[in-house]
């Protein structure tokens, strides 16, 4: 059905995941070291600022992920990921729509 497509985006460092309105449907995170840090997803299409869509506390090495319940988490302006060192993220997002 048009407009309901979910796409995957992947980052190895902080950066832009989407540059328009959408919904976060799920994510996978891989953290290669034992040091802790926070993964922060912002409602912004260009920088690590603005409203926080989601924050994930990373406390050790490993991989984990989840499907976001319901219709997902809405972001209006875009989606920017701030990642600690040695971390990658894949997000599953639906772009556009209401």
PDB file of N, CA and C in Angstrom:
ATOM      1  N   UNK A   1       0.840  -1.171   0.000  1.00  0.00           N
ATOM      2  CA  UNK A   1       0.000   0.000   0.000  1.00  0.00           C
ATOM      3  C   UNK A   1       0.887   1.237   0.000  1.00  0.00           C
ATOM      4  N   UNK A   2       0.677   2.149  -0.904  1.00  0.00           N
ATOM      5  CA  UNK A   2       1.511   3.346  -1.020  1.00  0.00           C
ATOM      6  C   UNK A   2       1.457   4.174   0.255  1.00  0.00           C
ATOM      7  N   UNK A   3       2.621   4.689   0.652  1.00  0.00           N
ATOM      8  CA  UNK A   3       2.693   5.529   1.837  1.00  0.00           C
ATOM      9  C   UNK A   3       2.960   4.786   3.118  1.00  0.00           C
ATOM     10  N   UNK A   4       2.925   3.470   3.098  1.00  0.00           N
ATOM     11  CA  UNK A   4       3.143   2.688   4.301  1.00  0.00           C
ATOM     12  C   UNK A   4       4.469   1.935   4.285  1.00  0.00           C
ATOM     13  N   UNK A   5       5.319   2.240   3.332  1.00  0.00           N
ATOM     14  CA  UNK A   5       6.575   1.534   3.206  1.00  0.00           C
ATOM     15  C   UNK A   5       7.517   1.885   4.360  1.00  0.00           C
ATOM     16  N   UNK A   6       8.188   0.876   4.876  1.00  0.00           N
ATOM     17  CA  UNK A   6       9.188   1.060   5.918  1.00  0.00           C
ATOM     18  C   UNK A   6      10.549   0.859   5.273  1.00  0.00           C
ATOM     19  N   UNK A   7      11.470   1.799   5.544  1.00  0.00           N
ATOM     20  CA  UNK A   7      12.814   1.695   4.996  1.00  0.00           C
ATOM     21  C   UNK A   7      13.819   1.558   6.133  1.00  0.00           C
ATOM     22  N   UNK A   8      14.986   1.074   5.819  1.00  0.00           N
ATOM     23  CA  UNK A   8      16.066   0.930   6.793  1.00  0.00           C
ATOM     24  C   UNK A   8      17.174   1.930   6.462  1.00  0.00           C
ATOM     25  N   UNK A   9      17.714   2.542   7.507  1.00  0.00           N
ATOM     26  CA  UNK A   9      18.868   3.442   7.375  1.00  0.00           C
ATOM     27  C   UNK A   9      19.908   3.022   8.398  1.00  0.00           C
ATOM     28  N   UNK A  10      21.193   3.102   8.022  1.00  0.00           N
ATOM     29  CA  UNK A  10      22.273   2.630   8.893  1.00  0.00           C
ATOM     30  C   UNK A  10      23.347   3.706   9.036  1.00  0.00           C
ATOM     31  N   UNK A  11      23.872   3.856  10.259  1.00  0.00           N
ATOM     32  CA  UNK A  11      24.974   4.794  10.522  1.00  0.00           C
ATOM     33  C   UNK A  11      26.038   4.130  11.381  1.00  0.00           C
ATOM     34  N   UNK A  12      27.314   4.484  11.122  1.00  0.00           N
ATOM     35  CA  UNK A  12      28.445   4.068  11.957  1.00  0.00           C
ATOM     36  C   UNK A  12      28.942   5.207  12.835  1.00  0.00           C
ATOM     37  N   UNK A  13      28.414   6.407  12.622  1.00  0.00           N
ATOM     38  CA  UNK A  13      28.787   7.603  13.387  1.00  0.00           C
ATOM     39  C   UNK A  13      27.569   8.521  13.421  1.00  0.00           C
ATOM     40  N   UNK A  14      27.598   9.526  14.254  1.00  0.00           N
ATOM     41  CA  UNK A  14      26.481  10.461  14.351  1.00  0.00           C
ATOM     42  C   UNK A  14      26.134  11.022  12.982  1.00  0.00           C
ATOM     43  N   UNK A  15      24.830  11.190  12.713  1.00  0.00           N
ATOM     44  CA  UNK A  15      24.424  11.725  11.425  1.00  0.00           C
ATOM     45  C   UNK A  15      22.925  11.711  11.223  1.00  0.00           C
ATOM     46  N   UNK A  16      22.524  12.118  10.028  1.00  0.00           N
ATOM     47  CA  UNK A  16      21.118  12.246   9.648  1.00  0.00           C
ATOM     48  C   UNK A  16      20.562  10.902   9.195  1.00  0.00           C
ATOM     49  N   UNK A  17      19.412  10.539   9.754  1.00  0.00           N
ATOM     50  CA  UNK A  17      18.708   9.325   9.346  1.00  0.00           C
ATOM     51  C   UNK A  17      17.509   9.643   8.451  1.00  0.00           C
ATOM     52  N   UNK A  18      16.914  10.817   8.628  1.00  0.00           N
ATOM     53  CA  UNK A  18      15.784  11.243   7.801  1.00  0.00           C
ATOM     54  C   UNK A  18      15.757  12.766   7.782  1.00  0.00           C
ATOM     55  N   UNK A  19      15.266  13.339   6.675  1.00  0.00           N
ATOM     56  CA  UNK A  19      15.205  14.796   6.573  1.00  0.00           C
ATOM     57  C   UNK A  19      13.779  15.304   6.381  1.00  0.00           C
ATOM     58  N   UNK A  20      12.800  14.519   6.841  1.00  0.00           N
ATOM     59  CA  UNK A  20      11.400  14.918   6.752  1.00  0.00           C
ATOM     60  C   UNK A  20      10.620  14.221   7.872  1.00  0.00           C
ATOM     61  N   UNK A  21       9.335  14.477   7.928  1.00  0.00           N
ATOM     62  CA  UNK A  21       8.460  13.862   8.931  1.00  0.00           C
ATOM     63  C   UNK A  21       8.404  12.353   8.733  1.00  0.00           C
ATOM     64  N   UNK A  22       8.244  11.631   9.836  1.00  0.00           N
ATOM     65  CA  UNK A  22       8.118  10.187   9.730  1.00  0.00           C
ATOM     66  C   UNK A  22       7.836   9.533  11.074  1.00  0.00           C
ATOM     67  N   UNK A  23       7.945   8.209  11.079  1.00  0.00           N
ATOM     68  CA  UNK A  23       7.718   7.424  12.289  1.00  0.00           C
ATOM     69  C   UNK A  23       8.848   6.410  12.461  1.00  0.00           C
ATOM     70  N   UNK A  24       9.393   6.385  13.653  1.00  0.00           N
ATOM     71  CA  UNK A  24      10.387   5.380  14.007  1.00  0.00           C
ATOM     72  C   UNK A  24       9.655   4.101  14.361  1.00  0.00           C
ATOM     73  N   UNK A  25       9.920   3.031  13.616  1.00  0.00           N
ATOM     74  CA  UNK A  25       9.212   1.766  13.805  1.00  0.00           C
ATOM     75  C   UNK A  25      10.034   0.724  14.562  1.00  0.00           C
ATOM     76  N   UNK A  26      11.366   0.866  14.543  1.00  0.00           N
ATOM     77  CA  UNK A  26      12.221  -0.082  15.245  1.00  0.00           C
ATOM     78  C   UNK A  26      13.677   0.272  15.047  1.00  0.00           C
ATOM     79  N   UNK A  27      14.560  -0.450  15.754  1.00  0.00           N
ATOM     80  CA  UNK A  27      15.987  -0.182  15.630  1.00  0.00           C
ATOM     81  C   UNK A  27      16.799  -1.404  16.055  1.00  0.00           C
ATOM     82  N   UNK A  28      18.043  -1.434  15.585  1.00  0.00           N
ATOM     83  CA  UNK A  28      19.069  -2.393  16.010  1.00  0.00           C
ATOM     84  C   UNK A  28      20.326  -1.591  16.298  1.00  0.00           C
ATOM     85  N   UNK A  29      20.984  -1.900  17.409  1.00  0.00           N
ATOM     86  CA  UNK A  29      22.195  -1.199  17.821  1.00  0.00           C
ATOM     87  C   UNK A  29      23.300  -2.218  18.032  1.00  0.00           C
ATOM     88  N   UNK A  30      24.513  -1.889  17.595  1.00  0.00           N
ATOM     89  CA  UNK A  30      25.687  -2.712  17.855  1.00  0.00           C
ATOM     90  C   UNK A  30      26.734  -1.825  18.511  1.00  0.00           C
ATOM     91  N   UNK A  31      27.206  -2.257  19.660  1.00  0.00           N
ATOM     92  CA  UNK A  31      28.199  -1.491  20.429  1.00  0.00           C
ATOM     93  C   UNK A  31      29.399  -2.412  20.634  1.00  0.00           C
ATOM     94  N   UNK A  32      30.565  -2.019  20.109  1.00  0.00           N
ATOM     95  CA  UNK A  32      31.730  -2.897  20.072  1.00  0.00           C
ATOM     96  C   UNK A  32      32.652  -2.826  21.274  1.00  0.00           C
ATOM     97  N   UNK A  33      32.421  -1.885  22.188  1.00  0.00           N
ATOM     98  CA  UNK A  33      33.347  -1.796  23.318  1.00  0.00           C
ATOM     99  C   UNK A  33      32.588  -1.850  24.628  1.00  0.00           C
ATOM    100  N   UNK A  34      33.318  -1.992  25.701  1.00  0.00           N
ATOM    101  CA  UNK A  34      32.706  -2.080  27.013  1.00  0.00           C
ATOM    102  C   UNK A  34      32.417  -0.734  27.642  1.00  0.00           C
ATOM    103  N   UNK A  35      32.803   0.359  26.988  1.00  0.00           N
ATOM    104  CA  UNK A  35      32.539   1.673  27.568  1.00  0.00           C
ATOM    105  C   UNK A  35      31.078   2.054  27.373  1.00  0.00           C
ATOM    106  N   UNK A  36      30.545   2.840  28.280  1.00  0.00           N
ATOM    107  CA  UNK A  36      29.144   3.219  28.185  1.00  0.00           C
ATOM    108  C   UNK A  36      28.976   4.551  27.471  1.00  0.00           C
ATOM    109  N   UNK A  37      27.791   4.800  27.035  1.00  0.00           N
ATOM    110  CA  UNK A  37      27.449   6.042  26.368  1.00  0.00           C
ATOM    111  C   UNK A  37      25.972   6.041  26.052  1.00  0.00           C
ATOM    112  N   UNK A  38      25.454   7.157  25.585  1.00  0.00           N
ATOM    113  CA  UNK A  38      24.035   7.253  25.259  1.00  0.00           C
ATOM    114  C   UNK A  38      23.840   7.452  23.770  1.00  0.00           C
ATOM    115  N   UNK A  39      22.899   6.728  23.220  1.00  0.00           N
ATOM    116  CA  UNK A  39      22.450   6.930  21.850  1.00  0.00           C
ATOM    117  C   UNK A  39      21.233   7.833  21.960  1.00  0.00           C
ATOM    118  N   UNK A  40      21.276   8.975  21.292  1.00  0.00           N
ATOM    119  CA  UNK A  40      20.163   9.919  21.372  1.00  0.00           C
ATOM    120  C   UNK A  40      19.657  10.207  19.963  1.00  0.00           C
ATOM    121  N   UNK A  41      18.361  10.026  19.759  1.00  0.00           N
ATOM    122  CA  UNK A  41      17.718  10.339  18.486  1.00  0.00           C
ATOM    123  C   UNK A  41      16.937  11.630  18.661  1.00  0.00           C
ATOM    124  N   UNK A  42      17.226  12.622  17.797  1.00  0.00           N
ATOM    125  CA  UNK A  42      16.628  13.945  17.871  1.00  0.00           C
ATOM    126  C   UNK A  42      15.643  14.176  16.733  1.00  0.00           C
ATOM    127  N   UNK A  43      14.604  14.956  17.021  1.00  0.00           N
ATOM    128  CA  UNK A  43      13.666  15.410  16.004  1.00  0.00           C
ATOM    129  C   UNK A  43      14.296  16.619  15.308  1.00  0.00           C
ATOM    130  N   UNK A  44      15.263  16.342  14.430  1.00  0.00           N
ATOM    131  CA  UNK A  44      16.026  17.384  13.758  1.00  0.00           C
ATOM    132  C   UNK A  44      16.644  16.769  12.506  1.00  0.00           C
ATOM    133  N   UNK A  45      16.728  17.530  11.440  1.00  0.00           N
ATOM    134  CA  UNK A  45      17.284  16.980  10.197  1.00  0.00           C
ATOM    135  C   UNK A  45      18.729  17.376   9.948  1.00  0.00           C
ATOM    136  N   UNK A  46      19.391  18.014  10.945  1.00  0.00           N
ATOM    137  CA  UNK A  46      20.754  18.443  10.653  1.00  0.00           C
ATOM    138  C   UNK A  46      21.723  18.451  11.828  1.00  0.00           C
ATOM    139  N   UNK A  47      21.241  18.297  13.067  1.00  0.00           N
ATOM    140  CA  UNK A  47      22.163  18.414  14.199  1.00  0.00           C
ATOM    141  C   UNK A  47      21.612  17.712  15.438  1.00  0.00           C
ATOM    142  N   UNK A  48      22.500  17.497  16.396  1.00  0.00           N
ATOM    143  CA  UNK A  48      22.135  16.874  17.669  1.00  0.00           C
ATOM    144  C   UNK A  48      21.564  17.930  18.599  1.00  0.00           C
ATOM    145  N   UNK A  49      20.360  18.405  18.266  1.00  0.00           N
ATOM    146  CA  UNK A  49      19.684  19.401  19.088  1.00  0.00           C
ATOM    147  C   UNK A  49      18.189  19.300  18.828  1.00  0.00           C
ATOM    148  N   UNK A  50      17.414  19.954  19.668  1.00  0.00           N
ATOM    149  CA  UNK A  50      15.968  19.914  19.512  1.00  0.00           C
ATOM    150  C   UNK A  50      15.352  18.872  20.427  1.00  0.00           C
ATOM    151  N   UNK A  51      14.114  18.509  20.121  1.00  0.00           N
ATOM    152  CA  UNK A  51      13.397  17.535  20.939  1.00  0.00           C
ATOM    153  C   UNK A  51      14.016  16.152  20.807  1.00  0.00           C
ATOM    154  N   UNK A  52      14.133  15.463  21.929  1.00  0.00           N
ATOM    155  CA  UNK A  52      14.643  14.090  21.935  1.00  0.00           C
ATOM    156  C   UNK A  52      13.494  13.137  21.615  1.00  0.00           C
ATOM    157  N   UNK A  53      13.666  12.340  20.570  1.00  0.00           N
ATOM    158  CA  UNK A  53      12.675  11.336  20.187  1.00  0.00           C
ATOM    159  C   UNK A  53      12.829  10.100  21.064  1.00  0.00           C
ATOM    160  N   UNK A  54      14.079   9.698  21.288  1.00  0.00           N
ATOM    161  CA  UNK A  54      14.355   8.514  22.108  1.00  0.00           C
ATOM    162  C   UNK A  54      15.808   8.562  22.558  1.00  0.00           C
ATOM    163  N   UNK A  55      16.049   8.076  23.777  1.00  0.00           N
ATOM    164  CA  UNK A  55      17.410   7.950  24.297  1.00  0.00           C
ATOM    165  C   UNK A  55      17.605   6.521  24.777  1.00  0.00           C
ATOM    166  N   UNK A  56      18.742   5.950  24.376  1.00  0.00           N
ATOM    167  CA  UNK A  56      19.068   4.571  24.731  1.00  0.00           C
ATOM    168  C   UNK A  56      20.369   4.595  25.522  1.00  0.00           C
ATOM    169  N   UNK A  57      20.340   4.064  26.729  1.00  0.00           N
ATOM    170  CA  UNK A  57      21.541   3.971  27.558  1.00  0.00           C
ATOM    171  C   UNK A  57      22.326   2.739  27.141  1.00  0.00           C
ATOM    172  N   UNK A  58      23.546   2.946  26.697  1.00  0.00           N
ATOM    173  CA  UNK A  58      24.427   1.857  26.246  1.00  0.00           C
ATOM    174  C   UNK A  58      25.442   1.589  27.345  1.00  0.00           C
ATOM    175  N   UNK A  59      25.379   0.417  27.948  1.00  0.00           N
ATOM    176  CA  UNK A  59      26.219   0.127  29.108  1.00  0.00           C
ATOM    177  C   UNK A  59      27.314  -0.908  28.855  1.00  0.00           C
ATOM    178  N   UNK A  60      27.354  -1.511  27.693  1.00  0.00           N
ATOM    179  CA  UNK A  60      28.399  -2.488  27.440  1.00  0.00           C
ATOM    180  C   UNK A  60      28.341  -3.006  26.017  1.00  0.00           C
ATOM    181  N   UNK A  61      29.312  -3.830  25.663  1.00  0.00           N
ATOM    182  CA  UNK A  61      29.388  -4.365  24.304  1.00  0.00           C
ATOM    183  C   UNK A  61      28.224  -5.309  24.033  1.00  0.00           C
ATOM    184  N   UNK A  62      27.784  -5.328  22.787  1.00  0.00           N
ATOM    185  CA  UNK A  62      26.729  -6.244  22.383  1.00  0.00           C
ATOM    186  C   UNK A  62      25.810  -5.636  21.354  1.00  0.00           C
ATOM    187  N   UNK A  63      24.832  -6.419  20.957  1.00  0.00           N
ATOM    188  CA  UNK A  63      23.839  -5.976  19.980  1.00  0.00           C
ATOM    189  C   UNK A  63      22.451  -6.163  20.579  1.00  0.00           C
ATOM    190  N   UNK A  64      21.575  -5.227  20.295  1.00  0.00           N
ATOM    191  CA  UNK A  64      20.191  -5.348  20.746  1.00  0.00           C
ATOM    192  C   UNK A  64      19.304  -4.487  19.859  1.00  0.00           C
ATOM    193  N   UNK A  65      18.028  -4.709  19.954  1.00  0.00           N
ATOM    194  CA  UNK A  65      17.078  -3.934  19.170  1.00  0.00           C
ATOM    195  C   UNK A  65      15.673  -4.150  19.660  1.00  0.00           C
ATOM    196  N   UNK A  66      14.749  -3.420  19.059  1.00  0.00           N
ATOM    197  CA  UNK A  66      13.344  -3.594  19.403  1.00  0.00           C
ATOM    198  C   UNK A  66      12.464  -3.037  18.301  1.00  0.00           C
ATOM    199  N   UNK A  67      11.248  -3.547  18.267  1.00  0.00           N
ATOM    200  CA  UNK A  67      10.196  -2.987  17.441  1.00  0.00           C
ATOM    201  C   UNK A  67       9.429  -2.011  18.317  1.00  0.00           C
ATOM    202  N   UNK A  68       9.201  -0.805  17.822  1.00  0.00           N
ATOM    203  CA  UNK A  68       8.454   0.190  18.591  1.00  0.00           C
ATOM    204  C   UNK A  68       6.972  -0.176  18.514  1.00  0.00           C
ATOM    205  N   UNK A  69       6.302  -0.242  19.649  1.00  0.00           N
ATOM    206  CA  UNK A  69       4.892  -0.658  19.654  1.00  0.00           C
ATOM    207  C   UNK A  69       3.969   0.342  18.945  1.00  0.00           C
ATOM    208  N   UNK A  70       2.794  -0.116  18.614  1.00  0.00           N
ATOM    209  CA  UNK A  70       1.769   0.731  18.002  1.00  0.00           C
ATOM    210  C   UNK A  70       2.191   1.240  16.643  1.00  0.00           C
ATOM    211  N   UNK A  71       1.931   2.509  16.410  1.00  0.00           N
ATOM    212  CA  UNK A  71       2.233   3.130  15.119  1.00  0.00           C
ATOM    213  C   UNK A  71       3.634   3.714  15.055  1.00  0.00           C
ATOM    214  N   UNK A  72       4.450   3.501  16.093  1.00  0.00           N
ATOM    215  CA  UNK A  72       5.798   4.034  16.110  1.00  0.00           C
ATOM    216  C   UNK A  72       5.853   5.399  16.781  1.00  0.00           C
ATOM    217  N   UNK A  73       7.053   5.979  16.816  1.00  0.00           N
ATOM    218  CA  UNK A  73       7.277   7.284  17.425  1.00  0.00           C
ATOM    219  C   UNK A  73       7.395   8.324  16.317  1.00  0.00           C
ATOM    220  N   UNK A  74       6.547   9.346  16.374  1.00  0.00           N
ATOM    221  CA  UNK A  74       6.525  10.382  15.329  1.00  0.00           C
ATOM    222  C   UNK A  74       7.677  11.359  15.528  1.00  0.00           C
ATOM    223  N   UNK A  75       8.314  11.727  14.419  1.00  0.00           N
ATOM    224  CA  UNK A  75       9.257  12.849  14.392  1.00  0.00           C
ATOM    225  C   UNK A  75       8.804  13.766  13.258  1.00  0.00           C
ATOM    226  N   UNK A  76       8.782  15.071  13.515  1.00  0.00           N
ATOM    227  CA  UNK A  76       8.226  16.027  12.556  1.00  0.00           C
ATOM    228  C   UNK A  76       9.252  16.649  11.617  1.00  0.00           C
ATOM    229  N   UNK A  77      10.473  16.876  12.090  1.00  0.00           N
ATOM    230  CA  UNK A  77      11.453  17.659  11.335  1.00  0.00           C
ATOM    231  C   UNK A  77      12.553  16.840  10.679  1.00  0.00           C
ATOM    232  N   UNK A  78      12.651  15.591  10.997  1.00  0.00           N
ATOM    233  CA  UNK A  78      13.729  14.724  10.544  1.00  0.00           C
ATOM    234  C   UNK A  78      14.209  13.899  11.720  1.00  0.00           C
ATOM    235  N   UNK A  79      15.203  13.075  11.495  1.00  0.00           N
ATOM    236  CA  UNK A  79      15.729  12.224  12.563  1.00  0.00           C
ATOM    237  C   UNK A  79      17.249  12.244  12.505  1.00  0.00           C
ATOM    238  N   UNK A  80      17.859  12.688  13.593  1.00  0.00           N
ATOM    239  CA  UNK A  80      19.311  12.777  13.706  1.00  0.00           C
ATOM    240  C   UNK A  80      19.753  11.883  14.852  1.00  0.00           C
ATOM    241  N   UNK A  81      20.794  11.067  14.625  1.00  0.00           N
ATOM    242  CA  UNK A  81      21.316  10.169  15.655  1.00  0.00           C
ATOM    243  C   UNK A  81      22.657  10.664  16.174  1.00  0.00           C
ATOM    244  N   UNK A  82      22.767  10.784  17.481  1.00  0.00           N
ATOM    245  CA  UNK A  82      24.037  11.068  18.141  1.00  0.00           C
ATOM    246  C   UNK A  82      24.520   9.760  18.746  1.00  0.00           C
ATOM    247  N   UNK A  83      25.644   9.258  18.226  1.00  0.00           N
ATOM    248  CA  UNK A  83      26.143   7.940  18.628  1.00  0.00           C
ATOM    249  C   UNK A  83      27.470   8.058  19.370  1.00  0.00           C
ATOM    250  N   UNK A  84      27.657   7.261  20.439  1.00  0.00           N
ATOM    251  CA  UNK A  84      28.967   7.199  21.073  1.00  0.00           C
ATOM    252  C   UNK A  84      29.956   6.451  20.176  1.00  0.00           C
ATOM    253  N   UNK A  85      31.222   6.509  20.520  1.00  0.00           N
ATOM    254  CA  UNK A  85      32.260   5.809  19.747  1.00  0.00           C
ATOM    255  C   UNK A  85      31.974   4.313  19.703  1.00  0.00           C
ATOM    256  N   UNK A  86      32.394   3.673  18.630  1.00  0.00           N
ATOM    257  CA  UNK A  86      32.285   2.223  18.453  1.00  0.00           C
ATOM    258  C   UNK A  86      30.848   1.718  18.456  1.00  0.00           C
ATOM    259  N   UNK A  87      29.924   2.540  17.983  1.00  0.00           N
ATOM    260  CA  UNK A  87      28.505   2.183  17.969  1.00  0.00           C
ATOM    261  C   UNK A  87      27.946   2.378  16.567  1.00  0.00           C
ATOM    262  N   UNK A  88      27.095   1.459  16.148  1.00  0.00           N
ATOM    263  CA  UNK A  88      26.356   1.624  14.896  1.00  0.00           C
ATOM    264  C   UNK A  88      24.877   1.400  15.178  1.00  0.00           C
ATOM    265  N   UNK A  89      24.037   1.961  14.325  1.00  0.00           N
ATOM    266  CA  UNK A  89      22.598   1.822  14.491  1.00  0.00           C
ATOM    267  C   UNK A  89      21.951   1.625  13.128  1.00  0.00           C
ATOM    268  N   UNK A  90      20.966   0.769  13.085  1.00  0.00           N
ATOM    269  CA  UNK A  90      20.076   0.636  11.944  1.00  0.00           C
ATOM    270  C   UNK A  90      18.682   0.950  12.454  1.00  0.00           C
ATOM    271  N   UNK A  91      18.008   1.895  11.794  1.00  0.00           N
ATOM    272  CA  UNK A  91      16.641   2.221  12.180  1.00  0.00           C
ATOM    273  C   UNK A  91      15.702   1.820  11.065  1.00  0.00           C
ATOM    274  N   UNK A  92      14.495   1.505  11.452  1.00  0.00           N
ATOM    275  CA  UNK A  92      13.428   1.173  10.519  1.00  0.00           C
ATOM    276  C   UNK A  92      12.405   2.296  10.651  1.00  0.00           C
ATOM    277  N   UNK A  93      12.226   3.056   9.564  1.00  0.00           N
ATOM    278  CA  UNK A  93      11.383   4.240   9.609  1.00  0.00           C
ATOM    279  C   UNK A  93      10.375   4.254   8.455  1.00  0.00           C
ATOM    280  N   UNK A  94       9.243   4.883   8.733  1.00  0.00           N
ATOM    281  CA  UNK A  94       8.225   5.143   7.722  1.00  0.00           C
ATOM    282  C   UNK A  94       8.217   6.644   7.513  1.00  0.00           C
ATOM    283  N   UNK A  95       8.474   7.097   6.310  1.00  0.00           N
ATOM    284  CA  UNK A  95       8.568   8.531   6.021  1.00  0.00           C
ATOM    285  C   UNK A  95       7.241   9.103   5.577  1.00  0.00           C
ATOM    286  N   UNK A  96       7.025  10.389   5.905  1.00  0.00           N
ATOM    287  CA  UNK A  96       5.833  11.108   5.483  1.00  0.00           C
ATOM    288  C   UNK A  96       4.603  10.712   6.275  1.00  0.00           C
ATOM    289  N   UNK A  97       3.456  11.119   5.769  1.00  0.00           N
ATOM    290  CA  UNK A  97       2.179  10.755   6.393  1.00  0.00           C
ATOM    291  C   UNK A  97       1.869  11.527   7.649  1.00  0.00           C
ATOM    292  N   UNK A  98       0.771  11.199   8.229  1.00  0.00           N
ATOM    293  CA  UNK A  98       0.312  11.831   9.472  1.00  0.00           C
ATOM    294  C   UNK A  98       0.330  10.862  10.583  1.00  0.00           C
TER     295      UNK A  98
END
